[in-house]
Each structure stands twice: as structure tokens, then as C-alpha cells.
PDB file of all heavy atoms in Angstrom:
ATOM      1  N   LEU A   1      -3.076 -16.241  -2.450  1.00  0.00           N
ATOM      2  CA  LEU A   1      -2.119 -15.240  -2.747  1.00  0.00           C
ATOM      3  C   LEU A   1      -1.668 -15.170  -4.126  1.00  0.00           C
ATOM      4  O   LEU A   1      -0.564 -15.642  -4.451  1.00  0.00           O
ATOM      5  CB  LEU A   1      -0.856 -15.411  -1.781  1.00  0.00           C
ATOM      6  CG  LEU A   1      -0.032 -14.186  -1.621  1.00  0.00           C
ATOM      7  CD1 LEU A   1      -0.720 -13.111  -0.757  1.00  0.00           C
ATOM      8  CD2 LEU A   1       1.262 -14.472  -0.979  1.00  0.00           C
ATOM      9  N   SER A   2      -2.534 -14.801  -5.076  1.00  0.00           N
ATOM     10  CA  SER A   2      -2.202 -14.687  -6.472  1.00  0.00           C
ATOM     11  C   SER A   2      -1.317 -13.419  -6.666  1.00  0.00           C
ATOM     12  O   SER A   2      -1.107 -12.558  -5.911  1.00  0.00           O
ATOM     13  CB  SER A   2      -3.416 -14.619  -7.335  1.00  0.00           C
ATOM     14  OG  SER A   2      -4.161 -13.456  -7.071  1.00  0.00           O
ATOM     15  N   ALA A   3      -0.787 -13.279  -7.944  1.00  0.00           N
ATOM     16  CA  ALA A   3      -0.049 -12.168  -8.382  1.00  0.00           C
ATOM     17  C   ALA A   3      -0.878 -10.878  -8.289  1.00  0.00           C
ATOM     18  O   ALA A   3      -0.516  -9.842  -7.884  1.00  0.00           O
ATOM     19  CB  ALA A   3       0.507 -12.273  -9.764  1.00  0.00           C
ATOM     20  N   SER A   4      -2.291 -10.995  -8.600  1.00  0.00           N
ATOM     21  CA  SER A   4      -3.070  -9.824  -8.330  1.00  0.00           C
ATOM     22  C   SER A   4      -3.249  -9.416  -7.054  1.00  0.00           C
ATOM     23  O   SER A   4      -3.415  -8.313  -6.684  1.00  0.00           O
ATOM     24  CB  SER A   4      -4.476 -10.133  -9.152  1.00  0.00           C
ATOM     25  OG  SER A   4      -5.144 -11.230  -8.485  1.00  0.00           O
ATOM     26  N   THR A   5      -3.321 -10.491  -6.060  1.00  0.00           N
ATOM     27  CA  THR A   5      -3.467 -10.120  -4.659  1.00  0.00           C
ATOM     28  C   THR A   5      -2.170  -9.345  -4.218  1.00  0.00           C
ATOM     29  O   THR A   5      -2.394  -8.447  -3.442  1.00  0.00           O
ATOM     30  CB  THR A   5      -3.752 -11.435  -3.895  1.00  0.00           C
ATOM     31  OG1 THR A   5      -4.823 -12.046  -4.273  1.00  0.00           O
ATOM     32  CG2 THR A   5      -3.856 -11.119  -2.311  1.00  0.00           C
ATOM     33  N   VAL A   6      -1.098  -9.878  -4.614  1.00  0.00           N
ATOM     34  CA  VAL A   6       0.178  -9.230  -4.196  1.00  0.00           C
ATOM     35  C   VAL A   6       0.149  -7.782  -4.724  1.00  0.00           C
ATOM     36  O   VAL A   6       0.608  -6.798  -4.038  1.00  0.00           O
ATOM     37  CB  VAL A   6       1.346 -10.049  -4.643  1.00  0.00           C
ATOM     38  CG1 VAL A   6       2.718  -9.205  -4.409  1.00  0.00           C
ATOM     39  CG2 VAL A   6       1.517 -11.300  -4.045  1.00  0.00           C
ATOM     40  N   ALA A   7      -0.290  -7.564  -5.938  1.00  0.00           N
ATOM     41  CA  ALA A   7      -0.390  -6.240  -6.517  1.00  0.00           C
ATOM     42  C   ALA A   7      -1.300  -5.367  -5.722  1.00  0.00           C
ATOM     43  O   ALA A   7      -0.969  -4.185  -5.499  1.00  0.00           O
ATOM     44  CB  ALA A   7      -0.833  -6.302  -7.965  1.00  0.00           C
ATOM     45  N   ARG A   8      -2.456  -5.948  -5.229  1.00  0.00           N
ATOM     46  CA  ARG A   8      -3.337  -5.105  -4.337  1.00  0.00           C
ATOM     47  C   ARG A   8      -2.692  -4.725  -3.131  1.00  0.00           C
ATOM     48  O   ARG A   8      -2.839  -3.530  -2.587  1.00  0.00           O
ATOM     49  CB  ARG A   8      -4.614  -5.901  -4.222  1.00  0.00           C
ATOM     50  CG  ARG A   8      -5.583  -5.953  -5.417  1.00  0.00           C
ATOM     51  CD  ARG A   8      -7.042  -6.371  -4.919  1.00  0.00           C
ATOM     52  NE  ARG A   8      -7.000  -7.652  -4.243  1.00  0.00           N
ATOM     53  CZ  ARG A   8      -7.172  -8.774  -4.940  1.00  0.00           C
ATOM     54  NH1 ARG A   8      -7.126  -8.873  -6.237  1.00  0.00           N
ATOM     55  NH2 ARG A   8      -7.165  -9.928  -4.322  1.00  0.00           N
ATOM     56  N   LEU A   9      -2.029  -5.639  -2.515  1.00  0.00           N
ATOM     57  CA  LEU A   9      -1.258  -5.280  -1.273  1.00  0.00           C
ATOM     58  C   LEU A   9      -0.242  -4.188  -1.507  1.00  0.00           C
ATOM     59  O   LEU A   9      -0.069  -3.259  -0.613  1.00  0.00           O
ATOM     60  CB  LEU A   9      -0.481  -6.558  -0.781  1.00  0.00           C
ATOM     61  CG  LEU A   9      -1.374  -7.500   0.105  1.00  0.00           C
ATOM     62  CD1 LEU A   9      -0.522  -8.859   0.368  1.00  0.00           C
ATOM     63  CD2 LEU A   9      -1.852  -6.906   1.320  1.00  0.00           C
ATOM     64  N   LYS A  10       0.448  -4.271  -2.644  1.00  0.00           N
ATOM     65  CA  LYS A  10       1.397  -3.166  -3.004  1.00  0.00           C
ATOM     66  C   LYS A  10       0.775  -1.837  -3.065  1.00  0.00           C
ATOM     67  O   LYS A  10       1.281  -0.824  -2.596  1.00  0.00           O
ATOM     68  CB  LYS A  10       2.136  -3.507  -4.230  1.00  0.00           C
ATOM     69  CG  LYS A  10       3.214  -4.759  -4.007  1.00  0.00           C
ATOM     70  CD  LYS A  10       3.708  -5.238  -5.342  1.00  0.00           C
ATOM     71  CE  LYS A  10       4.568  -4.186  -6.046  1.00  0.00           C
ATOM     72  NZ  LYS A  10       5.023  -4.725  -7.411  1.00  0.00           N
ATOM     73  N   ARG A  11      -0.496  -1.824  -3.631  1.00  0.00           N
ATOM     74  CA  ARG A  11      -1.119  -0.544  -3.729  1.00  0.00           C
ATOM     75  C   ARG A  11      -1.626  -0.117  -2.376  1.00  0.00           C
ATOM     76  O   ARG A  11      -1.570   1.163  -2.025  1.00  0.00           O
ATOM     77  CB  ARG A  11      -2.438  -0.753  -4.630  1.00  0.00           C
ATOM     78  CG  ARG A  11      -2.015  -0.913  -6.134  1.00  0.00           C
ATOM     79  CD  ARG A  11      -3.257  -0.687  -7.065  1.00  0.00           C
ATOM     80  NE  ARG A  11      -4.298  -1.782  -6.765  1.00  0.00           N
ATOM     81  CZ  ARG A  11      -4.226  -2.913  -7.603  1.00  0.00           C
ATOM     82  NH1 ARG A  11      -3.383  -3.196  -8.412  1.00  0.00           N
ATOM     83  NH2 ARG A  11      -5.284  -3.785  -7.244  1.00  0.00           N
ATOM     84  N   GLN A  12      -2.017  -1.089  -1.521  1.00  0.00           N
ATOM     85  CA  GLN A  12      -2.430  -0.653  -0.146  1.00  0.00           C
ATOM     86  C   GLN A  12      -1.090  -0.079   0.643  1.00  0.00           C
ATOM     87  O   GLN A  12      -1.270   0.923   1.360  1.00  0.00           O
ATOM     88  CB  GLN A  12      -2.883  -1.971   0.666  1.00  0.00           C
ATOM     89  CG  GLN A  12      -3.214  -1.646   2.076  1.00  0.00           C
ATOM     90  CD  GLN A  12      -3.757  -2.838   2.806  1.00  0.00           C
ATOM     91  OE1 GLN A  12      -4.312  -3.747   2.091  1.00  0.00           O
ATOM     92  NE2 GLN A  12      -3.392  -2.979   4.024  1.00  0.00           N
ATOM     93  N   TRP A  13      -0.030  -0.718   0.464  1.00  0.00           N
ATOM     94  CA  TRP A  13       1.257  -0.208   1.041  1.00  0.00           C
ATOM     95  C   TRP A  13       1.533   1.224   0.570  1.00  0.00           C
ATOM     96  O   TRP A  13       1.936   2.087   1.399  1.00  0.00           O
ATOM     97  CB  TRP A  13       2.488  -1.074   0.721  1.00  0.00           C
ATOM     98  CG  TRP A  13       2.286  -2.416   1.388  1.00  0.00           C
ATOM     99  CD1 TRP A  13       1.523  -2.882   2.272  1.00  0.00           C
ATOM    100  CD2 TRP A  13       3.021  -3.701   0.813  1.00  0.00           C
ATOM    101  NE1 TRP A  13       1.654  -4.181   2.561  1.00  0.00           N
ATOM    102  CE2 TRP A  13       2.603  -4.712   1.586  1.00  0.00           C
ATOM    103  CE3 TRP A  13       3.954  -3.763  -0.178  1.00  0.00           C
ATOM    104  CZ2 TRP A  13       3.048  -6.011   1.315  1.00  0.00           C
ATOM    105  CZ3 TRP A  13       4.401  -5.103  -0.398  1.00  0.00           C
ATOM    106  CH2 TRP A  13       4.005  -6.150   0.414  1.00  0.00           C
ATOM    107  N   GLU A  14       1.329   1.555  -0.761  1.00  0.00           N
ATOM    108  CA  GLU A  14       1.549   2.813  -1.290  1.00  0.00           C
ATOM    109  C   GLU A  14       0.644   3.947  -0.614  1.00  0.00           C
ATOM    110  O   GLU A  14       1.188   4.951  -0.137  1.00  0.00           O
ATOM    111  CB  GLU A  14       1.288   2.793  -2.767  1.00  0.00           C
ATOM    112  CG  GLU A  14       1.463   4.103  -3.397  1.00  0.00           C
ATOM    113  CD  GLU A  14       1.255   4.123  -4.886  1.00  0.00           C
ATOM    114  OE1 GLU A  14       0.815   3.179  -5.403  1.00  0.00           O
ATOM    115  OE2 GLU A  14       1.568   5.131  -5.572  1.00  0.00           O
ATOM    116  N   GLN A  15      -0.602   3.555  -0.385  1.00  0.00           N
ATOM    117  CA  GLN A  15      -1.533   4.472   0.289  1.00  0.00           C
ATOM    118  C   GLN A  15      -1.109   4.666   1.789  1.00  0.00           C
ATOM    119  O   GLN A  15      -1.122   5.828   2.237  1.00  0.00           O
ATOM    120  CB  GLN A  15      -2.888   3.867   0.341  1.00  0.00           C
ATOM    121  CG  GLN A  15      -3.481   3.837  -1.200  1.00  0.00           C
ATOM    122  CD  GLN A  15      -4.842   3.066  -1.215  1.00  0.00           C
ATOM    123  OE1 GLN A  15      -5.364   2.616  -0.163  1.00  0.00           O
ATOM    124  NE2 GLN A  15      -5.399   2.949  -2.409  1.00  0.00           N
ATOM    125  N   GLU A  16      -0.717   3.512   2.501  1.00  0.00           N
ATOM    126  CA  GLU A  16      -0.271   3.637   3.774  1.00  0.00           C
ATOM    127  C   GLU A  16       1.076   4.549   3.868  1.00  0.00           C
ATOM    128  O   GLU A  16       1.087   5.299   4.868  1.00  0.00           O
ATOM    129  CB  GLU A  16      -0.018   2.290   4.438  1.00  0.00           C
ATOM    130  CG  GLU A  16      -1.262   1.498   4.574  1.00  0.00           C
ATOM    131  CD  GLU A  16      -0.976   0.076   5.064  1.00  0.00           C
ATOM    132  OE1 GLU A  16       0.223  -0.195   5.297  1.00  0.00           O
ATOM    133  OE2 GLU A  16      -1.809  -0.724   5.273  1.00  0.00           O
ATOM    134  N   TYR A  17       1.906   4.289   2.939  1.00  0.00           N
ATOM    135  CA  TYR A  17       3.202   5.129   2.937  1.00  0.00           C
ATOM    136  C   TYR A  17       2.867   6.572   2.839  1.00  0.00           C
ATOM    137  O   TYR A  17       3.418   7.362   3.660  1.00  0.00           O
ATOM    138  CB  TYR A  17       4.198   4.588   1.953  1.00  0.00           C
ATOM    139  CG  TYR A  17       5.363   5.322   1.782  1.00  0.00           C
ATOM    140  CD1 TYR A  17       6.312   5.381   2.732  1.00  0.00           C
ATOM    141  CD2 TYR A  17       5.510   6.178   0.618  1.00  0.00           C
ATOM    142  CE1 TYR A  17       7.542   6.128   2.547  1.00  0.00           C
ATOM    143  CE2 TYR A  17       6.687   6.886   0.485  1.00  0.00           C
ATOM    144  CZ  TYR A  17       7.656   6.911   1.494  1.00  0.00           C
ATOM    145  OH  TYR A  17       8.780   7.684   1.345  1.00  0.00           O
ATOM    146  N   HIS A  18       2.093   6.948   1.905  1.00  0.00           N
ATOM    147  CA  HIS A  18       1.831   8.323   1.706  1.00  0.00           C
ATOM    148  C   HIS A  18       1.188   8.952   2.883  1.00  0.00           C
ATOM    149  O   HIS A  18       1.444  10.183   3.331  1.00  0.00           O
ATOM    150  CB  HIS A  18       1.045   8.547   0.464  1.00  0.00           C
ATOM    151  CG  HIS A  18       1.960   8.310  -0.801  1.00  0.00           C
ATOM    152  ND1 HIS A  18       2.988   9.095  -1.143  1.00  0.00           N
ATOM    153  CD2 HIS A  18       1.721   7.455  -1.797  1.00  0.00           C
ATOM    154  CE1 HIS A  18       3.544   8.676  -2.254  1.00  0.00           C
ATOM    155  NE2 HIS A  18       2.660   7.627  -2.684  1.00  0.00           N
ATOM    156  N   ALA A  19       0.252   8.240   3.537  1.00  0.00           N
ATOM    157  CA  ALA A  19      -0.435   8.738   4.774  1.00  0.00           C
ATOM    158  C   ALA A  19       0.538   8.908   5.915  1.00  0.00           C
ATOM    159  O   ALA A  19       0.563   9.893   6.630  1.00  0.00           O
ATOM    160  CB  ALA A  19      -1.694   7.793   5.145  1.00  0.00           C
ATOM    161  N   TRP A  20       1.432   7.936   6.021  1.00  0.00           N
ATOM    162  CA  TRP A  20       2.512   7.920   7.061  1.00  0.00           C
ATOM    163  C   TRP A  20       3.431   9.152   6.846  1.00  0.00           C
ATOM    164  O   TRP A  20       3.820   9.840   7.861  1.00  0.00           O
ATOM    165  CB  TRP A  20       3.299   6.694   6.962  1.00  0.00           C
ATOM    166  CG  TRP A  20       4.398   6.585   7.941  1.00  0.00           C
ATOM    167  CD1 TRP A  20       4.366   6.263   9.265  1.00  0.00           C
ATOM    168  CD2 TRP A  20       5.767   6.741   7.727  1.00  0.00           C
ATOM    169  NE1 TRP A  20       5.580   6.289   9.785  1.00  0.00           N
ATOM    170  CE2 TRP A  20       6.532   6.546   8.930  1.00  0.00           C
ATOM    171  CE3 TRP A  20       6.519   7.104   6.531  1.00  0.00           C
ATOM    172  CZ2 TRP A  20       7.884   6.627   9.004  1.00  0.00           C
ATOM    173  CZ3 TRP A  20       7.903   7.281   6.612  1.00  0.00           C
ATOM    174  CH2 TRP A  20       8.638   6.962   7.809  1.00  0.00           C
ATOM    175  N   CYS A  21       3.726   9.479   5.604  1.00  0.00           N
ATOM    176  CA  CYS A  21       4.747  10.585   5.275  1.00  0.00           C
ATOM    177  C   CYS A  21       4.082  11.946   5.598  1.00  0.00           C
ATOM    178  O   CYS A  21       4.936  12.969   5.708  1.00  0.00           O
ATOM    179  CB  CYS A  21       5.061  10.615   3.835  1.00  0.00           C
ATOM    180  SG  CYS A  21       6.152   9.319   3.374  1.00  0.00           S
ATOM    181  N   THR A  22       2.784  12.078   5.871  1.00  0.00           N
ATOM    182  CA  THR A  22       2.115  13.416   6.160  1.00  0.00           C
ATOM    183  C   THR A  22       1.618  13.442   7.545  1.00  0.00           C
ATOM    184  O   THR A  22       1.071  14.513   7.911  1.00  0.00           O
ATOM    185  CB  THR A  22       1.088  13.646   5.162  1.00  0.00           C
ATOM    186  OG1 THR A  22       0.134  12.585   5.130  1.00  0.00           O
ATOM    187  CG2 THR A  22       1.625  13.718   3.630  1.00  0.00           C
ATOM    188  N   ARG A  23       1.883  12.387   8.299  1.00  0.00           N
ATOM    189  CA  ARG A  23       1.240  12.411   9.647  1.00  0.00           C
ATOM    190  C   ARG A  23       1.908  13.564  10.530  1.00  0.00           C
ATOM    191  O   ARG A  23       3.165  13.859  10.316  1.00  0.00           O
ATOM    192  CB  ARG A  23       1.465  11.077  10.442  1.00  0.00           C
ATOM    193  CG  ARG A  23       2.721  10.800  10.942  1.00  0.00           C
ATOM    194  CD  ARG A  23       2.942   9.318  11.121  1.00  0.00           C
ATOM    195  NE  ARG A  23       4.109   9.049  11.841  1.00  0.00           N
ATOM    196  CZ  ARG A  23       5.462   9.195  11.365  1.00  0.00           C
ATOM    197  NH1 ARG A  23       5.560   9.457  10.087  1.00  0.00           N
ATOM    198  NH2 ARG A  23       6.443   8.737  12.057  1.00  0.00           N
ATOM    199  N   ARG A  24       1.156  14.033  11.568  1.00  0.00           N
ATOM    200  CA  ARG A  24       1.651  15.019  12.418  1.00  0.00           C
ATOM    201  C   ARG A  24       2.641  14.435  13.378  1.00  0.00           C
ATOM    202  O   ARG A  24       2.488  13.254  13.864  1.00  0.00           O
ATOM    203  CB  ARG A  24       0.606  15.743  13.188  1.00  0.00           C
ATOM    204  CG  ARG A  24      -0.424  16.485  12.315  1.00  0.00           C
ATOM    205  CD  ARG A  24       0.221  17.732  11.656  1.00  0.00           C
ATOM    206  NE  ARG A  24       0.799  18.631  12.638  1.00  0.00           N
ATOM    207  CZ  ARG A  24       1.521  19.692  12.305  1.00  0.00           C
ATOM    208  NH1 ARG A  24       1.773  19.990  11.069  1.00  0.00           N
ATOM    209  NH2 ARG A  24       2.023  20.542  13.215  1.00  0.00           N
TER     210      ARG A  24
END
């Protein structure tokens, strides 16, 4: 769990959040 790994997780959360905001 390096800083870069945490950063990747944050980017993944961003993608999940935007998909969630547009779901039917």
C-alpha cells in the first residue's frame, strides 16, 4: 500500500462515483 497505490485507488473511486451519479 504505497502512496502511488492509494492514488490509484482514489482514481478508481472517482470513476465509480461518476458512474454511480448517472445510474438509472
